[in-house]
Amino acid sequence: MVSWWKAAPVATPRRAGHVEGILGSYRWEAFLARAPVSYGLDTATLYKGSGRIVRLALYARLPGTRLWRKVAAYHRGWLFGRRRYLDVLRRVVDEIEAVG
């Protein structure tokens, strides 16, 4: 029995697909599928298509604080931030593809 104050362990498949990093003044994190899926981020067009990136979040630091603000989000489709941060997102996707 798990006590109410103990956190449940994170599922292995989701954790296995988690990647994160820092690119310049931005921080990013992504969840990757094991194989390309129909709702993944297409790395050529940066639109929904066949790809391994299922979720992608881009964060920028708030000036004068240690806080980060989410400036772009992809979750089975773009939620916000694609147009404004297109060049940064392109470099993040290229970095994710280079890692594996």
N, C-alpha and C. Protein backbone atom coordinates (compact mmCIF):
# COMPACT_ATOMS: atom_id res chain seq x y z
N MET A 1 0.84 -1.19 0.00
CA MET A 1 0.00 0.00 0.00
C MET A 1 0.88 1.24 0.00
N VAL A 2 0.52 2.21 -0.81
CA VAL A 2 1.26 3.45 -0.91
C VAL A 2 0.60 4.49 -0.03
N SER A 3 1.38 5.13 0.80
CA SER A 3 0.85 6.19 1.65
C SER A 3 0.50 7.41 0.81
N TRP A 4 -0.38 8.22 1.29
CA TRP A 4 -0.83 9.38 0.53
C TRP A 4 0.28 10.41 0.35
N TRP A 5 1.32 10.41 1.16
CA TRP A 5 2.36 11.41 1.05
C TRP A 5 3.52 10.96 0.18
N LYS A 6 3.52 9.71 -0.28
CA LYS A 6 4.60 9.23 -1.15
C LYS A 6 4.16 9.33 -2.60
N ALA A 7 5.05 9.79 -3.43
CA ALA A 7 4.73 9.91 -4.85
C ALA A 7 4.80 8.55 -5.52
N ALA A 8 3.92 8.31 -6.45
CA ALA A 8 3.95 7.08 -7.23
C ALA A 8 5.10 7.16 -8.23
N PRO A 9 5.74 6.05 -8.55
CA PRO A 9 6.85 6.08 -9.50
C PRO A 9 6.38 6.44 -10.91
N VAL A 10 7.25 7.09 -11.66
CA VAL A 10 6.93 7.46 -13.03
C VAL A 10 7.02 6.22 -13.91
N ALA A 11 6.12 6.08 -14.84
CA ALA A 11 6.11 4.92 -15.73
C ALA A 11 7.37 4.90 -16.59
N THR A 12 7.94 3.75 -16.78
CA THR A 12 9.20 3.61 -17.51
C THR A 12 9.13 4.06 -18.97
N PRO A 13 8.12 3.66 -19.77
CA PRO A 13 8.13 4.09 -21.17
C PRO A 13 8.11 5.61 -21.35
N ARG A 14 7.33 6.31 -20.54
CA ARG A 14 7.28 7.77 -20.67
C ARG A 14 8.62 8.37 -20.26
N ARG A 15 9.20 7.85 -19.22
CA ARG A 15 10.46 8.38 -18.75
C ARG A 15 11.58 8.10 -19.74
N ALA A 16 11.51 6.96 -20.40
CA ALA A 16 12.55 6.60 -21.36
C ALA A 16 12.56 7.55 -22.55
N GLY A 17 11.42 8.18 -22.87
CA GLY A 17 11.35 9.08 -24.01
C GLY A 17 11.55 10.54 -23.68
N HIS A 18 11.90 10.86 -22.45
CA HIS A 18 12.05 12.25 -22.03
C HIS A 18 13.46 12.74 -22.31
N VAL A 19 13.58 13.86 -23.01
CA VAL A 19 14.86 14.51 -23.25
C VAL A 19 14.71 15.99 -22.94
N GLU A 20 15.79 16.60 -22.51
CA GLU A 20 15.76 18.03 -22.21
C GLU A 20 17.13 18.61 -22.44
N GLY A 21 17.19 19.92 -22.57
CA GLY A 21 18.47 20.57 -22.80
C GLY A 21 18.34 22.08 -22.74
N ILE A 22 19.48 22.73 -22.95
CA ILE A 22 19.55 24.19 -22.96
C ILE A 22 20.18 24.61 -24.27
N LEU A 23 19.59 25.59 -24.91
CA LEU A 23 20.09 26.12 -26.17
C LEU A 23 20.14 27.63 -26.04
N GLY A 24 21.33 28.16 -25.85
CA GLY A 24 21.48 29.60 -25.65
C GLY A 24 20.78 30.04 -24.38
N SER A 25 19.86 30.98 -24.50
CA SER A 25 19.13 31.47 -23.33
C SER A 25 17.79 30.77 -23.16
N TYR A 26 17.58 29.67 -23.87
CA TYR A 26 16.32 28.92 -23.81
C TYR A 26 16.55 27.54 -23.22
N ARG A 27 15.52 27.05 -22.55
CA ARG A 27 15.52 25.68 -22.03
C ARG A 27 14.39 24.95 -22.73
N TRP A 28 14.59 23.66 -23.06
CA TRP A 28 13.56 22.91 -23.75
C TRP A 28 13.46 21.51 -23.16
N GLU A 29 12.29 20.91 -23.34
CA GLU A 29 12.09 19.51 -22.97
C GLU A 29 11.12 18.89 -23.97
N ALA A 30 11.32 17.60 -24.22
CA ALA A 30 10.51 16.91 -25.22
C ALA A 30 10.27 15.47 -24.80
N PHE A 31 9.19 14.90 -25.29
CA PHE A 31 8.89 13.48 -25.13
C PHE A 31 8.91 12.86 -26.52
N LEU A 32 9.66 11.78 -26.65
CA LEU A 32 9.82 11.11 -27.94
C LEU A 32 9.12 9.77 -27.93
N ALA A 33 8.49 9.44 -29.04
CA ALA A 33 7.93 8.10 -29.23
C ALA A 33 9.06 7.19 -29.70
N ARG A 34 8.87 5.89 -29.54
CA ARG A 34 9.92 4.95 -29.95
C ARG A 34 10.02 4.85 -31.47
N ALA A 35 8.92 5.08 -32.16
CA ALA A 35 8.89 5.04 -33.63
C ALA A 35 8.06 6.23 -34.10
N PRO A 36 8.22 6.67 -35.34
CA PRO A 36 7.40 7.78 -35.84
C PRO A 36 5.90 7.48 -35.74
N VAL A 37 5.13 8.48 -35.31
CA VAL A 37 3.68 8.35 -35.16
C VAL A 37 3.01 9.43 -35.99
N SER A 38 1.74 9.24 -36.29
CA SER A 38 1.02 10.17 -37.17
C SER A 38 0.81 11.55 -36.55
N TYR A 39 0.82 11.64 -35.23
CA TYR A 39 0.60 12.93 -34.56
C TYR A 39 1.91 13.56 -34.08
N GLY A 40 3.03 13.01 -34.51
CA GLY A 40 4.33 13.55 -34.11
C GLY A 40 4.70 14.79 -34.91
N LEU A 41 5.72 15.47 -34.47
CA LEU A 41 6.20 16.69 -35.13
C LEU A 41 7.08 16.30 -36.31
N ASP A 42 6.68 16.72 -37.51
CA ASP A 42 7.48 16.46 -38.70
C ASP A 42 8.70 17.36 -38.66
N THR A 43 9.89 16.77 -38.68
CA THR A 43 11.11 17.54 -38.51
C THR A 43 11.44 18.40 -39.73
N ALA A 44 10.90 18.07 -40.88
CA ALA A 44 11.18 18.85 -42.09
C ALA A 44 10.33 20.13 -42.14
N THR A 45 9.07 20.04 -41.75
CA THR A 45 8.16 21.18 -41.88
C THR A 45 7.82 21.85 -40.56
N LEU A 46 8.10 21.21 -39.45
CA LEU A 46 7.73 21.67 -38.11
C LEU A 46 6.22 21.81 -37.95
N TYR A 47 5.49 20.96 -38.65
CA TYR A 47 4.04 20.85 -38.48
C TYR A 47 3.72 19.43 -38.06
N LYS A 48 2.47 19.21 -37.68
CA LYS A 48 2.03 17.87 -37.32
C LYS A 48 2.15 16.97 -38.54
N GLY A 49 2.77 15.82 -38.33
CA GLY A 49 2.98 14.87 -39.41
C GLY A 49 3.54 13.59 -38.84
N SER A 50 4.36 12.92 -39.58
CA SER A 50 4.97 11.68 -39.11
C SER A 50 6.31 12.00 -38.47
N GLY A 51 6.39 11.82 -37.16
CA GLY A 51 7.63 12.12 -36.45
C GLY A 51 7.66 11.47 -35.09
N ARG A 52 8.82 11.50 -34.44
CA ARG A 52 8.99 10.90 -33.12
C ARG A 52 8.70 11.87 -31.98
N ILE A 53 8.75 13.17 -32.23
CA ILE A 53 8.55 14.17 -31.17
C ILE A 53 7.05 14.32 -30.94
N VAL A 54 6.60 13.88 -29.77
CA VAL A 54 5.17 13.93 -29.44
C VAL A 54 4.84 15.21 -28.67
N ARG A 55 5.74 15.62 -27.79
CA ARG A 55 5.58 16.86 -27.03
C ARG A 55 6.88 17.64 -27.07
N LEU A 56 6.74 18.96 -27.12
CA LEU A 56 7.91 19.83 -27.11
C LEU A 56 7.51 21.12 -26.41
N ALA A 57 8.32 21.54 -25.46
CA ALA A 57 8.07 22.80 -24.76
C ALA A 57 9.37 23.61 -24.76
N LEU A 58 9.25 24.89 -25.05
CA LEU A 58 10.38 25.80 -25.07
C LEU A 58 10.15 26.86 -24.00
N TYR A 59 11.16 27.08 -23.16
CA TYR A 59 11.05 28.02 -22.05
C TYR A 59 12.09 29.13 -22.20
N ALA A 60 11.72 30.35 -21.82
CA ALA A 60 12.63 31.50 -21.79
C ALA A 60 12.66 32.03 -20.36
N ARG A 61 13.82 32.48 -19.94
CA ARG A 61 13.97 33.00 -18.58
C ARG A 61 13.32 34.38 -18.46
N LEU A 62 12.60 34.59 -17.38
CA LEU A 62 12.03 35.91 -17.10
C LEU A 62 13.15 36.81 -16.60
N PRO A 63 13.29 38.01 -17.15
CA PRO A 63 14.39 38.90 -16.75
C PRO A 63 14.34 39.24 -15.26
N GLY A 64 15.49 39.19 -14.63
CA GLY A 64 15.60 39.57 -13.23
C GLY A 64 15.13 38.53 -12.23
N THR A 65 14.77 37.34 -12.69
CA THR A 65 14.31 36.28 -11.79
C THR A 65 15.00 34.97 -12.16
N ARG A 66 14.71 33.95 -11.37
CA ARG A 66 15.19 32.61 -11.69
C ARG A 66 14.06 31.76 -12.27
N LEU A 67 13.00 32.41 -12.72
CA LEU A 67 11.83 31.71 -13.24
C LEU A 67 11.91 31.56 -14.76
N TRP A 68 11.28 30.49 -15.26
CA TRP A 68 11.21 30.24 -16.69
C TRP A 68 9.75 30.34 -17.13
N ARG A 69 9.52 30.90 -18.33
CA ARG A 69 8.18 31.03 -18.88
C ARG A 69 8.09 30.19 -20.16
N LYS A 70 7.01 29.43 -20.29
CA LYS A 70 6.82 28.62 -21.49
C LYS A 70 6.43 29.54 -22.64
N VAL A 71 7.23 29.53 -23.70
CA VAL A 71 6.98 30.44 -24.82
C VAL A 71 6.50 29.71 -26.07
N ALA A 72 6.67 28.39 -26.13
CA ALA A 72 6.17 27.60 -27.26
C ALA A 72 5.84 26.21 -26.77
N ALA A 73 4.75 25.63 -27.30
CA ALA A 73 4.33 24.30 -26.86
C ALA A 73 3.73 23.52 -28.02
N TYR A 74 4.18 22.26 -28.15
CA TYR A 74 3.63 21.33 -29.13
C TYR A 74 3.16 20.10 -28.37
N HIS A 75 1.90 19.74 -28.56
CA HIS A 75 1.35 18.52 -27.97
C HIS A 75 0.34 17.96 -28.96
N ARG A 76 0.81 17.08 -29.83
CA ARG A 76 0.00 16.52 -30.92
C ARG A 76 -0.51 17.62 -31.85
N GLY A 77 0.15 18.72 -31.88
CA GLY A 77 -0.20 19.89 -32.67
C GLY A 77 0.30 21.13 -31.94
N TRP A 78 0.52 22.22 -32.65
CA TRP A 78 1.03 23.43 -32.00
C TRP A 78 -0.06 24.10 -31.18
N LEU A 79 0.27 24.38 -29.92
CA LEU A 79 -0.64 25.10 -29.04
C LEU A 79 -0.39 26.60 -29.14
N PHE A 80 0.89 27.01 -29.11
CA PHE A 80 1.26 28.41 -29.26
C PHE A 80 2.76 28.53 -29.47
N GLY A 81 3.20 29.68 -29.99
CA GLY A 81 4.61 30.03 -30.05
C GLY A 81 5.39 29.58 -31.27
N ARG A 82 4.79 28.89 -32.23
CA ARG A 82 5.56 28.37 -33.35
C ARG A 82 6.14 29.48 -34.22
N ARG A 83 5.35 30.45 -34.60
CA ARG A 83 5.80 31.49 -35.53
C ARG A 83 6.86 32.40 -34.91
N ARG A 84 6.67 32.77 -33.69
CA ARG A 84 7.58 33.73 -33.07
C ARG A 84 8.95 33.14 -32.79
N TYR A 85 9.01 31.86 -32.46
CA TYR A 85 10.27 31.22 -32.08
C TYR A 85 10.68 30.15 -33.09
N LEU A 86 10.36 30.35 -34.35
CA LEU A 86 10.59 29.34 -35.38
C LEU A 86 12.07 28.99 -35.52
N ASP A 87 12.96 29.99 -35.53
CA ASP A 87 14.38 29.69 -35.69
C ASP A 87 14.95 28.92 -34.51
N VAL A 88 14.53 29.25 -33.30
CA VAL A 88 14.99 28.52 -32.11
C VAL A 88 14.44 27.10 -32.12
N LEU A 89 13.17 26.94 -32.47
CA LEU A 89 12.56 25.61 -32.53
C LEU A 89 13.23 24.74 -33.58
N ARG A 90 13.63 25.32 -34.71
CA ARG A 90 14.34 24.57 -35.74
C ARG A 90 15.66 24.02 -35.18
N ARG A 91 16.40 24.85 -34.45
CA ARG A 91 17.67 24.39 -33.87
C ARG A 91 17.45 23.34 -32.80
N VAL A 92 16.37 23.47 -32.01
CA VAL A 92 16.06 22.46 -30.99
C VAL A 92 15.73 21.13 -31.65
N VAL A 93 14.91 21.14 -32.69
CA VAL A 93 14.53 19.90 -33.38
C VAL A 93 15.77 19.27 -34.02
N ASP A 94 16.64 20.08 -34.61
CA ASP A 94 17.88 19.54 -35.19
C ASP A 94 18.75 18.90 -34.12
N GLU A 95 18.80 19.51 -32.94
CA GLU A 95 19.58 18.95 -31.84
C GLU A 95 18.98 17.62 -31.35
N ILE A 96 17.67 17.55 -31.27
CA ILE A 96 17.01 16.31 -30.86
C ILE A 96 17.28 15.20 -31.88
N GLU A 97 17.20 15.53 -33.15
CA GLU A 97 17.45 14.53 -34.20
C GLU A 97 18.91 14.07 -34.19
N ALA A 98 19.83 14.96 -33.86
CA ALA A 98 21.25 14.59 -33.83
C ALA A 98 21.54 13.61 -32.69
N VAL A 99 20.83 13.77 -31.57
CA VAL A 99 21.05 12.89 -30.42
C VAL A 99 20.53 11.50 -30.71
N GLY A 100 19.45 11.39 -31.40
CA GLY A 100 18.98 10.03 -31.69
C GLY A 100 17.57 10.00 -31.97
